[in-house]
Amino acid sequence: MEITPKPAPVLPTRINKYVAWQRSISRREADKLIEAGTIFINSRKAVLGDKVTASDAVEFRYSGKQPKA
């Protein structure tokens, strides 16, 4: 039995669906990450209900700070 990856969400889409797809987690787990302030869209902290488009940069910051280059 071959396992196929989930198809990419059609953009624009809600941030929780996008994060869930990117990190292979449930949408509820994605909601927790968003509420914890670890997800950023274009360097702005994401909130539930935000929409993501193809031109957006979505980042996961574990500590809430921008990672060092």
Protein backbone atom coordinates (compact mmCIF):
# COMPACT_ATOMS: atom_id res chain seq x y z
CA MET A 1 0.00 0.00 0.00
CA GLU A 2 1.47 3.30 -1.11
CA ILE A 3 1.04 6.39 1.06
CA THR A 4 0.34 9.56 -0.90
CA PRO A 5 0.94 13.02 0.56
CA LYS A 6 -1.97 15.36 1.23
CA PRO A 7 -2.63 17.71 -1.67
CA ALA A 8 -1.61 21.32 -1.15
CA PRO A 9 -4.43 23.60 -0.03
CA VAL A 10 -5.94 25.92 -2.61
CA LEU A 11 -4.78 29.48 -1.88
CA PRO A 12 -5.98 31.75 -0.38
CA THR A 13 -6.75 29.57 2.61
CA ARG A 14 -7.02 29.97 6.37
CA ILE A 15 -3.76 29.96 8.30
CA ASN A 16 -4.66 26.93 10.43
CA LYS A 17 -5.30 24.76 7.37
CA TYR A 18 -2.03 25.91 5.78
CA VAL A 19 0.03 25.26 8.94
CA ALA A 20 -1.62 21.87 9.43
CA TRP A 21 -0.68 20.91 5.86
CA GLN A 22 2.89 22.25 6.12
CA ARG A 23 3.69 20.59 9.46
CA SER A 24 1.55 17.43 8.99
CA ILE A 25 -0.49 18.09 12.13
CA SER A 26 -4.20 18.46 12.85
CA ARG A 27 -5.96 21.80 12.44
CA ARG A 28 -6.60 21.92 16.18
CA GLU A 29 -2.89 21.50 16.84
CA ALA A 30 -2.25 24.28 14.31
CA ASP A 31 -4.76 26.46 16.20
CA LYS A 32 -2.75 25.94 19.40
CA LEU A 33 0.49 26.99 17.67
CA ILE A 34 -1.22 30.10 16.28
CA GLU A 35 -2.71 31.01 19.66
CA ALA A 36 0.70 30.49 21.30
CA GLY A 37 2.15 33.15 18.98
CA THR A 38 4.63 30.92 17.16
CA ILE A 39 3.25 31.42 13.63
CA PHE A 40 4.00 34.60 11.68
CA ILE A 41 2.71 35.81 8.31
CA ASN A 42 4.99 38.36 6.64
CA SER A 43 6.71 39.03 10.02
CA ARG A 44 3.35 39.73 11.70
CA LYS A 45 2.02 37.43 14.40
CA ALA A 46 -0.79 35.33 12.91
CA VAL A 47 -4.25 35.22 14.47
CA LEU A 48 -6.96 32.63 13.94
CA GLY A 49 -8.92 33.38 10.79
CA ASP A 50 -6.04 35.00 8.89
CA LYS A 51 -5.85 34.06 5.23
CA VAL A 52 -2.65 32.98 3.47
CA THR A 53 -1.97 33.73 -0.19
CA ALA A 54 0.77 32.42 -2.47
CA SER A 55 2.83 35.60 -1.99
CA ASP A 56 2.82 35.40 1.85
CA ALA A 57 5.83 34.26 3.87
CA VAL A 58 4.68 31.98 6.70
CA GLU A 59 7.21 31.35 9.49
CA PHE A 60 7.27 29.10 12.53
CA ARG A 61 9.22 30.64 15.42
CA TYR A 62 9.53 28.35 18.40
CA SER A 63 10.50 31.09 20.85
CA GLY A 64 8.47 33.85 19.21
CA LYS A 65 11.68 35.55 18.07
CA GLN A 66 13.05 35.77 14.57
CA PRO A 67 15.70 33.08 14.03
CA LYS A 68 19.32 34.21 13.69
CA ALA A 69 20.77 33.98 10.20
